[in-house]
Amino acid sequence: PLARSGPALVTLELAATVWTLAAIAALEAGHDGWGLGV
């Protein structure tokens, strides 16, 4: 199962991490956070 679904999960995790980091940067810059919690 990990061989079949692992690549998709890794890709989704990397995308979520980039989104989280961008949201943190936006929040620290005084913006609304870009859905940080989501």
PDB file of all heavy atoms in Angstrom:
ATOM      1  N   PRO A   1       0.818  -1.225   0.000  1.00  0.00           N
ATOM      2  CA  PRO A   1       0.000   0.000   0.000  1.00  0.00           C
ATOM      3  C   PRO A   1       0.849   1.271   0.000  1.00  0.00           C
ATOM      4  O   PRO A   1       0.495   2.251  -0.654  1.00  0.00           O
ATOM      5  CB  PRO A   1      -0.809  -0.144   1.297  1.00  0.00           C
ATOM      6  CG  PRO A   1      -0.915  -1.616   1.512  1.00  0.00           C
ATOM      7  CD  PRO A   1       0.392  -2.178   1.050  1.00  0.00           C
ATOM      8  N   LEU A   2       1.976   1.249   0.705  1.00  0.00           N
ATOM      9  CA  LEU A   2       2.830   2.427   0.750  1.00  0.00           C
ATOM     10  C   LEU A   2       3.454   2.714  -0.610  1.00  0.00           C
ATOM     11  O   LEU A   2       3.622   3.873  -0.993  1.00  0.00           O
ATOM     12  CB  LEU A   2       3.924   2.253   1.801  1.00  0.00           C
ATOM     13  CG  LEU A   2       4.817   3.475   2.039  1.00  0.00           C
ATOM     14  CD1 LEU A   2       4.002   4.658   2.533  1.00  0.00           C
ATOM     15  CD2 LEU A   2       5.926   3.146   3.032  1.00  0.00           C
ATOM     16  N   ALA A   3       3.806   1.673  -1.355  1.00  0.00           N
ATOM     17  CA  ALA A   3       4.380   1.868  -2.684  1.00  0.00           C
ATOM     18  C   ALA A   3       3.365   2.486  -3.628  1.00  0.00           C
ATOM     19  O   ALA A   3       3.711   3.305  -4.489  1.00  0.00           O
ATOM     20  CB  ALA A   3       4.882   0.539  -3.238  1.00  0.00           C
ATOM     21  N   ARG A   4       2.104   2.100  -3.467  1.00  0.00           N
ATOM     22  CA  ARG A   4       1.070   2.603  -4.370  1.00  0.00           C
ATOM     23  C   ARG A   4       0.612   4.014  -4.002  1.00  0.00           C
ATOM     24  O   ARG A   4       0.460   4.869  -4.870  1.00  0.00           O
ATOM     25  CB  ARG A   4      -0.126   1.648  -4.363  1.00  0.00           C
ATOM     26  CG  ARG A   4       0.185   0.256  -4.907  1.00  0.00           C
ATOM     27  CD  ARG A   4      -1.097  -0.498  -5.222  1.00  0.00           C
ATOM     28  NE  ARG A   4      -1.948  -0.635  -4.040  1.00  0.00           N
ATOM     29  CZ  ARG A   4      -1.906  -1.676  -3.212  1.00  0.00           C
ATOM     30  NH1 ARG A   4      -1.042  -2.649  -3.420  1.00  0.00           N
ATOM     31  NH2 ARG A   4      -2.713  -1.738  -2.181  1.00  0.00           N
ATOM     32  N   SER A   5       0.382   4.262  -2.714  1.00  0.00           N
ATOM     33  CA  SER A   5      -0.178   5.560  -2.309  1.00  0.00           C
ATOM     34  C   SER A   5       0.865   6.517  -1.744  1.00  0.00           C
ATOM     35  O   SER A   5       0.597   7.715  -1.605  1.00  0.00           O
ATOM     36  CB  SER A   5      -1.277   5.341  -1.264  1.00  0.00           C
ATOM     37  OG  SER A   5      -0.749   4.707  -0.102  1.00  0.00           O
ATOM     38  N   GLY A   6       2.050   6.014  -1.432  1.00  0.00           N
ATOM     39  CA  GLY A   6       3.078   6.856  -0.835  1.00  0.00           C
ATOM     40  C   GLY A   6       3.445   8.080  -1.659  1.00  0.00           C
ATOM     41  O   GLY A   6       3.518   9.191  -1.117  1.00  0.00           O
ATOM     42  N   PRO A   7       3.709   7.936  -2.972  1.00  0.00           N
ATOM     43  CA  PRO A   7       4.070   9.119  -3.759  1.00  0.00           C
ATOM     44  C   PRO A   7       3.020  10.220  -3.714  1.00  0.00           C
ATOM     45  O   PRO A   7       3.353  11.404  -3.616  1.00  0.00           O
ATOM     46  CB  PRO A   7       4.234   8.550  -5.175  1.00  0.00           C
ATOM     47  CG  PRO A   7       4.628   7.125  -4.958  1.00  0.00           C
ATOM     48  CD  PRO A   7       3.848   6.691  -3.746  1.00  0.00           C
ATOM     49  N   ALA A   8       1.737   9.853  -3.791  1.00  0.00           N
ATOM     50  CA  ALA A   8       0.677  10.862  -3.726  1.00  0.00           C
ATOM     51  C   ALA A   8       0.651  11.536  -2.358  1.00  0.00           C
ATOM     52  O   ALA A   8       0.462  12.762  -2.257  1.00  0.00           O
ATOM     53  CB  ALA A   8      -0.673  10.215  -4.024  1.00  0.00           C
ATOM     54  N   LEU A   9       0.846  10.754  -1.293  1.00  0.00           N
ATOM     55  CA  LEU A   9       0.846  11.325   0.047  1.00  0.00           C
ATOM     56  C   LEU A   9       2.043  12.246   0.260  1.00  0.00           C
ATOM     57  O   LEU A   9       1.914  13.311   0.880  1.00  0.00           O
ATOM     58  CB  LEU A   9       0.846  10.208   1.095  1.00  0.00           C
ATOM     59  CG  LEU A   9      -0.445   9.387   1.191  1.00  0.00           C
ATOM     60  CD1 LEU A   9      -0.255   8.200   2.126  1.00  0.00           C
ATOM     61  CD2 LEU A   9      -1.600  10.262   1.678  1.00  0.00           C
ATOM     62  N   VAL A  10       3.205  11.849  -0.252  1.00  0.00           N
ATOM     63  CA  VAL A  10       4.391  12.704  -0.136  1.00  0.00           C
ATOM     64  C   VAL A  10       4.170  14.015  -0.887  1.00  0.00           C
ATOM     65  O   VAL A  10       4.484  15.102  -0.376  1.00  0.00           O
ATOM     66  CB  VAL A  10       5.641  11.977  -0.677  1.00  0.00           C
ATOM     67  CG1 VAL A  10       6.809  12.955  -0.794  1.00  0.00           C
ATOM     68  CG2 VAL A  10       6.021  10.819   0.244  1.00  0.00           C
ATOM     69  N   THR A  11       3.622  13.925  -2.091  1.00  0.00           N
ATOM     70  CA  THR A  11       3.345  15.134  -2.879  1.00  0.00           C
ATOM     71  C   THR A  11       2.362  16.050  -2.165  1.00  0.00           C
ATOM     72  O   THR A  11       2.556  17.273  -2.096  1.00  0.00           O
ATOM     73  CB  THR A  11       2.784  14.751  -4.258  1.00  0.00           C
ATOM     74  OG1 THR A  11       3.721  13.930  -4.947  1.00  0.00           O
ATOM     75  CG2 THR A  11       2.499  15.990  -5.092  1.00  0.00           C
ATOM     76  N   LEU A  12       1.314  15.460  -1.603  1.00  0.00           N
ATOM     77  CA  LEU A  12       0.315  16.252  -0.882  1.00  0.00           C
ATOM     78  C   LEU A  12       0.922  16.881   0.368  1.00  0.00           C
ATOM     79  O   LEU A  12       0.627  18.042   0.695  1.00  0.00           O
ATOM     80  CB  LEU A  12      -0.869  15.354  -0.506  1.00  0.00           C
ATOM     81  CG  LEU A  12      -2.089  16.042   0.132  1.00  0.00           C
ATOM     82  CD1 LEU A  12      -2.622  17.135  -0.777  1.00  0.00           C
ATOM     83  CD2 LEU A  12      -3.178  15.012   0.430  1.00  0.00           C
ATOM     84  N   GLU A  13       1.789  16.137   1.056  1.00  0.00           N
ATOM     85  CA  GLU A  13       2.434  16.668   2.251  1.00  0.00           C
ATOM     86  C   GLU A  13       3.355  17.841   1.909  1.00  0.00           C
ATOM     87  O   GLU A  13       3.381  18.853   2.616  1.00  0.00           O
ATOM     88  CB  GLU A  13       3.224  15.568   2.956  1.00  0.00           C
ATOM     89  CG  GLU A  13       3.977  16.015   4.201  1.00  0.00           C
ATOM     90  CD  GLU A  13       3.047  16.472   5.321  1.00  0.00           C
ATOM     91  OE1 GLU A  13       1.840  16.158   5.281  1.00  0.00           O
ATOM     92  OE2 GLU A  13       3.544  17.140   6.247  1.00  0.00           O
ATOM     93  N   LEU A  14       4.105  17.711   0.822  1.00  0.00           N
ATOM     94  CA  LEU A  14       4.978  18.808   0.411  1.00  0.00           C
ATOM     95  C   LEU A  14       4.162  20.039   0.024  1.00  0.00           C
ATOM     96  O   LEU A  14       4.530  21.179   0.375  1.00  0.00           O
ATOM     97  CB  LEU A  14       5.849  18.361  -0.769  1.00  0.00           C
ATOM     98  CG  LEU A  14       6.920  17.319  -0.437  1.00  0.00           C
ATOM     99  CD1 LEU A  14       7.598  16.834  -1.719  1.00  0.00           C
ATOM    100  CD2 LEU A  14       7.960  17.887   0.529  1.00  0.00           C
ATOM    101  N   ALA A  15       3.041  19.832  -0.664  1.00  0.00           N
ATOM    102  CA  ALA A  15       2.184  20.953  -1.037  1.00  0.00           C
ATOM    103  C   ALA A  15       1.593  21.628   0.199  1.00  0.00           C
ATOM    104  O   ALA A  15       1.548  22.868   0.290  1.00  0.00           O
ATOM    105  CB  ALA A  15       1.064  20.464  -1.964  1.00  0.00           C
ATOM    106  N   ALA A  16       1.143  20.815   1.169  1.00  0.00           N
ATOM    107  CA  ALA A  16       0.589  21.370   2.402  1.00  0.00           C
ATOM    108  C   ALA A  16       1.647  22.128   3.196  1.00  0.00           C
ATOM    109  O   ALA A  16       1.365  23.157   3.823  1.00  0.00           O
ATOM    110  CB  ALA A  16      -0.008  20.248   3.258  1.00  0.00           C
ATOM    111  N   THR A  17       2.890  21.622   3.158  1.00  0.00           N
ATOM    112  CA  THR A  17       3.981  22.289   3.865  1.00  0.00           C
ATOM    113  C   THR A  17       4.293  23.642   3.229  1.00  0.00           C
ATOM    114  O   THR A  17       4.479  24.646   3.933  1.00  0.00           O
ATOM    115  CB  THR A  17       5.241  21.403   3.853  1.00  0.00           C
ATOM    116  OG1 THR A  17       4.951  20.189   4.555  1.00  0.00           O
ATOM    117  CG2 THR A  17       6.415  22.100   4.529  1.00  0.00           C
ATOM    118  N   VAL A  18       4.343  23.684   1.896  1.00  0.00           N
ATOM    119  CA  VAL A  18       4.578  24.956   1.199  1.00  0.00           C
ATOM    120  C   VAL A  18       3.453  25.944   1.515  1.00  0.00           C
ATOM    121  O   VAL A  18       3.705  27.133   1.776  1.00  0.00           O
ATOM    122  CB  VAL A  18       4.688  24.723  -0.320  1.00  0.00           C
ATOM    123  CG1 VAL A  18       4.702  26.052  -1.071  1.00  0.00           C
ATOM    124  CG2 VAL A  18       5.944  23.930  -0.642  1.00  0.00           C
ATOM    125  N   TRP A  19       2.230  25.457   1.485  1.00  0.00           N
ATOM    126  CA  TRP A  19       1.078  26.318   1.809  1.00  0.00           C
ATOM    127  C   TRP A  19       1.195  26.840   3.241  1.00  0.00           C
ATOM    128  O   TRP A  19       0.989  28.032   3.495  1.00  0.00           O
ATOM    129  CB  TRP A  19      -0.208  25.523   1.619  1.00  0.00           C
ATOM    130  CG  TRP A  19      -1.482  26.286   1.891  1.00  0.00           C
ATOM    131  CD1 TRP A  19      -1.611  27.628   2.136  1.00  0.00           C
ATOM    132  CD2 TRP A  19      -2.800  25.745   1.956  1.00  0.00           C
ATOM    133  NE1 TRP A  19      -2.933  27.960   2.342  1.00  0.00           N
ATOM    134  CE2 TRP A  19      -3.683  26.819   2.236  1.00  0.00           C
ATOM    135  CE3 TRP A  19      -3.325  24.456   1.795  1.00  0.00           C
ATOM    136  CZ2 TRP A  19      -5.059  26.634   2.360  1.00  0.00           C
ATOM    137  CZ3 TRP A  19      -4.687  24.283   1.927  1.00  0.00           C
ATOM    138  CH2 TRP A  19      -5.550  25.361   2.203  1.00  0.00           C
ATOM    139  N   THR A  20       1.545  25.972   4.182  1.00  0.00           N
ATOM    140  CA  THR A  20       1.677  26.386   5.578  1.00  0.00           C
ATOM    141  C   THR A  20       2.765  27.444   5.740  1.00  0.00           C
ATOM    142  O   THR A  20       2.563  28.460   6.423  1.00  0.00           O
ATOM    143  CB  THR A  20       2.004  25.168   6.466  1.00  0.00           C
ATOM    144  OG1 THR A  20       0.955  24.200   6.359  1.00  0.00           O
ATOM    145  CG2 THR A  20       2.152  25.580   7.926  1.00  0.00           C
ATOM    146  N   LEU A  21       3.906  27.223   5.109  1.00  0.00           N
ATOM    147  CA  LEU A  21       4.999  28.191   5.219  1.00  0.00           C
ATOM    148  C   LEU A  21       4.619  29.532   4.594  1.00  0.00           C
ATOM    149  O   LEU A  21       4.944  30.605   5.135  1.00  0.00           O
ATOM    150  CB  LEU A  21       6.252  27.635   4.552  1.00  0.00           C
ATOM    151  CG  LEU A  21       6.873  26.408   5.227  1.00  0.00           C
ATOM    152  CD1 LEU A  21       8.042  25.879   4.401  1.00  0.00           C
ATOM    153  CD2 LEU A  21       7.343  26.744   6.648  1.00  0.00           C
ATOM    154  N   ALA A  22       3.914  29.484   3.457  1.00  0.00           N
ATOM    155  CA  ALA A  22       3.468  30.720   2.818  1.00  0.00           C
ATOM    156  C   ALA A  22       2.456  31.448   3.697  1.00  0.00           C
ATOM    157  O   ALA A  22       2.482  32.690   3.807  1.00  0.00           O
ATOM    158  CB  ALA A  22       2.856  30.409   1.451  1.00  0.00           C
ATOM    159  N   ALA A  23       1.570  30.693   4.340  1.00  0.00           N
ATOM    160  CA  ALA A  23       0.571  31.295   5.223  1.00  0.00           C
ATOM    161  C   ALA A  23       1.226  31.938   6.441  1.00  0.00           C
ATOM    162  O   ALA A  23       0.817  33.015   6.888  1.00  0.00           O
ATOM    163  CB  ALA A  23      -0.441  30.238   5.650  1.00  0.00           C
ATOM    164  N   ILE A  24       2.251  31.283   6.989  1.00  0.00           N
ATOM    165  CA  ILE A  24       2.969  31.851   8.130  1.00  0.00           C
ATOM    166  C   ILE A  24       3.649  33.156   7.714  1.00  0.00           C
ATOM    167  O   ILE A  24       3.599  34.165   8.439  1.00  0.00           O
ATOM    168  CB  ILE A  24       4.001  30.851   8.671  1.00  0.00           C
ATOM    169  CG1 ILE A  24       3.301  29.653   9.308  1.00  0.00           C
ATOM    170  CG2 ILE A  24       4.925  31.522   9.696  1.00  0.00           C
ATOM    171  CD1 ILE A  24       4.238  28.530   9.705  1.00  0.00           C
ATOM    172  N   ALA A  25       4.281  33.156   6.542  1.00  0.00           N
ATOM    173  CA  ALA A  25       4.950  34.364   6.048  1.00  0.00           C
ATOM    174  C   ALA A  25       3.936  35.490   5.842  1.00  0.00           C
ATOM    175  O   ALA A  25       4.209  36.652   6.176  1.00  0.00           O
ATOM    176  CB  ALA A  25       5.680  34.059   4.746  1.00  0.00           C
ATOM    177  N   ALA A  26       2.770  35.145   5.307  1.00  0.00           N
ATOM    178  CA  ALA A  26       1.732  36.154   5.096  1.00  0.00           C
ATOM    179  C   ALA A  26       1.247  36.721   6.424  1.00  0.00           C
ATOM    180  O   ALA A  26       1.045  37.937   6.564  1.00  0.00           O
ATOM    181  CB  ALA A  26       0.564  35.539   4.320  1.00  0.00           C
ATOM    182  N   LEU A  27       1.064  35.838   7.399  1.00  0.00           N
ATOM    183  CA  LEU A  27       0.603  36.280   8.717  1.00  0.00           C
ATOM    184  C   LEU A  27       1.618  37.212   9.359  1.00  0.00           C
ATOM    185  O   LEU A  27       1.257  38.257   9.928  1.00  0.00           O
ATOM    186  CB  LEU A  27       0.361  35.058   9.608  1.00  0.00           C
ATOM    187  CG  LEU A  27      -0.276  35.318  10.978  1.00  0.00           C
ATOM    188  CD1 LEU A  27      -1.686  35.861  10.814  1.00  0.00           C
ATOM    189  CD2 LEU A  27      -0.292  34.027  11.802  1.00  0.00           C
ATOM    190  N   GLU A  28       2.895  36.865   9.260  1.00  0.00           N
ATOM    191  CA  GLU A  28       3.933  37.693   9.862  1.00  0.00           C
ATOM    192  C   GLU A  28       4.095  39.021   9.129  1.00  0.00           C
ATOM    193  O   GLU A  28       4.593  39.997   9.710  1.00  0.00           O
ATOM    194  CB  GLU A  28       5.257  36.932   9.873  1.00  0.00           C
ATOM    195  CG  GLU A  28       5.259  35.735  10.826  1.00  0.00           C
ATOM    196  CD  GLU A  28       6.556  34.969  10.817  1.00  0.00           C
ATOM    197  OE1 GLU A  28       7.380  35.193   9.903  1.00  0.00           O
ATOM    198  OE2 GLU A  28       6.749  34.133  11.733  1.00  0.00           O
ATOM    199  N   ALA A  29       3.658  39.054   7.871  1.00  0.00           N
ATOM    200  CA  ALA A  29       3.728  40.297   7.100  1.00  0.00           C
ATOM    201  C   ALA A  29       2.498  41.176   7.305  1.00  0.00           C
ATOM    202  O   ALA A  29       2.380  42.240   6.697  1.00  0.00           O
ATOM    203  CB  ALA A  29       3.884  39.982   5.613  1.00  0.00           C
ATOM    204  N   GLY A  30       1.582  40.713   8.152  1.00  0.00           N
ATOM    205  CA  GLY A  30       0.413  41.511   8.470  1.00  0.00           C
ATOM    206  C   GLY A  30      -0.823  41.208   7.660  1.00  0.00           C
ATOM    207  O   GLY A  30      -1.820  41.925   7.741  1.00  0.00           O
ATOM    208  N   HIS A  31      -0.777  40.118   6.872  1.00  0.00           N
ATOM    209  CA  HIS A  31      -1.947  39.732   6.084  1.00  0.00           C
ATOM    210  C   HIS A  31      -2.827  38.782   6.895  1.00  0.00           C
ATOM    211  O   HIS A  31      -2.572  38.521   8.070  1.00  0.00           O
ATOM    212  CB  HIS A  31      -1.493  39.104   4.768  1.00  0.00           C
ATOM    213  CG  HIS A  31      -0.656  40.031   3.931  1.00  0.00           C
ATOM    214  ND1 HIS A  31      -1.143  41.201   3.403  1.00  0.00           N
ATOM    215  CD2 HIS A  31       0.657  39.955   3.552  1.00  0.00           C
ATOM    216  CE1 HIS A  31      -0.189  41.808   2.720  1.00  0.00           C
ATOM    217  NE2 HIS A  31       0.918  41.084   2.802  1.00  0.00           N
ATOM    218  N   ASP A  32      -3.860  38.216   6.248  1.00  0.00           N
ATOM    219  CA  ASP A  32      -4.850  37.441   7.003  1.00  0.00           C
ATOM    220  C   ASP A  32      -4.459  35.995   7.263  1.00  0.00           C
ATOM    221  O   ASP A  32      -5.190  35.262   7.902  1.00  0.00           O
ATOM    222  CB  ASP A  32      -6.207  37.479   6.285  1.00  0.00           C
ATOM    223  CG  ASP A  32      -6.172  36.817   4.914  1.00  0.00           C
ATOM    224  OD1 ASP A  32      -5.090  36.338   4.520  1.00  0.00           O
ATOM    225  OD2 ASP A  32      -7.218  36.784   4.250  1.00  0.00           O
ATOM    226  N   GLY A  33      -3.320  35.552   6.775  1.00  0.00           N
ATOM    227  CA  GLY A  33      -2.862  34.202   7.084  1.00  0.00           C
ATOM    228  C   GLY A  33      -3.110  33.167   6.019  1.00  0.00           C
ATOM    229  O   GLY A  33      -2.598  32.050   6.086  1.00  0.00           O
ATOM    230  N   TRP A  34      -3.908  33.508   4.978  1.00  0.00           N
ATOM    231  CA  TRP A  34      -4.103  32.616   3.832  1.00  0.00           C
ATOM    232  C   TRP A  34      -4.528  31.195   4.238  1.00  0.00           C
ATOM    233  O   TRP A  34      -4.044  30.211   3.719  1.00  0.00           O
ATOM    234  CB  TRP A  34      -2.819  32.528   3.012  1.00  0.00           C
ATOM    235  CG  TRP A  34      -2.395  33.821   2.379  1.00  0.00           C
ATOM    236  CD1 TRP A  34      -3.067  35.023   2.412  1.00  0.00           C
ATOM    237  CD2 TRP A  34      -1.216  34.048   1.613  1.00  0.00           C
ATOM    238  NE1 TRP A  34      -2.373  35.970   1.733  1.00  0.00           N
ATOM    239  CE2 TRP A  34      -1.226  35.416   1.216  1.00  0.00           C
ATOM    240  CE3 TRP A  34      -0.149  33.254   1.227  1.00  0.00           C
ATOM    241  CZ2 TRP A  34      -0.221  35.992   0.458  1.00  0.00           C
ATOM    242  CZ3 TRP A  34       0.861  33.817   0.470  1.00  0.00           C
ATOM    243  CH2 TRP A  34       0.820  35.155   0.084  1.00  0.00           C
ATOM    244  N   GLY A  35      -5.448  31.100   5.161  1.00  0.00           N
ATOM    245  CA  GLY A  35      -5.939  29.774   5.551  1.00  0.00           C
ATOM    246  C   GLY A  35      -4.916  28.945   6.286  1.00  0.00           C
ATOM    247  O   GLY A  35      -4.814  27.729   6.074  1.00  0.00           O
ATOM    248  N   LEU A  36      -4.170  29.578   7.174  1.00  0.00           N
ATOM    249  CA  LEU A  36      -3.109  28.888   7.917  1.00  0.00           C
ATOM    250  C   LEU A  36      -3.613  27.637   8.611  1.00  0.00           C
ATOM    251  O   LEU A  36      -2.987  26.574   8.548  1.00  0.00           O
ATOM    252  CB  LEU A  36      -2.500  29.848   8.949  1.00  0.00           C
ATOM    253  CG  LEU A  36      -1.534  29.239   9.981  1.00  0.00           C
ATOM    254  CD1 LEU A  36      -0.310  28.674   9.287  1.00  0.00           C
ATOM    255  CD2 LEU A  36      -1.149  30.283  11.014  1.00  0.00           C
ATOM    256  N   GLY A  37      -4.755  27.747   9.287  1.00  0.00           N
ATOM    257  CA  GLY A  37      -5.275  26.602  10.027  1.00  0.00           C
ATOM    258  C   GLY A  37      -5.626  25.433   9.135  1.00  0.00           C
ATOM    259  O   GLY A  37      -5.347  24.277   9.464  1.00  0.00           O
ATOM    260  N   VAL A  38      -6.218  25.720   7.976  1.00  0.00           N
ATOM    261  CA  VAL A  38      -6.568  24.657   7.031  1.00  0.00           C
ATOM    262  C   VAL A  38      -5.306  23.973   6.517  1.00  0.00           C
ATOM    263  O   VAL A  38      -5.211  22.741   6.447  1.00  0.00           O
ATOM    264  CB  VAL A  38      -7.388  25.215   5.863  1.00  0.00           C
ATOM    265  CG1 VAL A  38      -7.690  24.115   4.844  1.00  0.00           C
ATOM    266  CG2 VAL A  38      -8.679  25.845   6.362  1.00  0.00           C
TER     267      VAL A  38
END
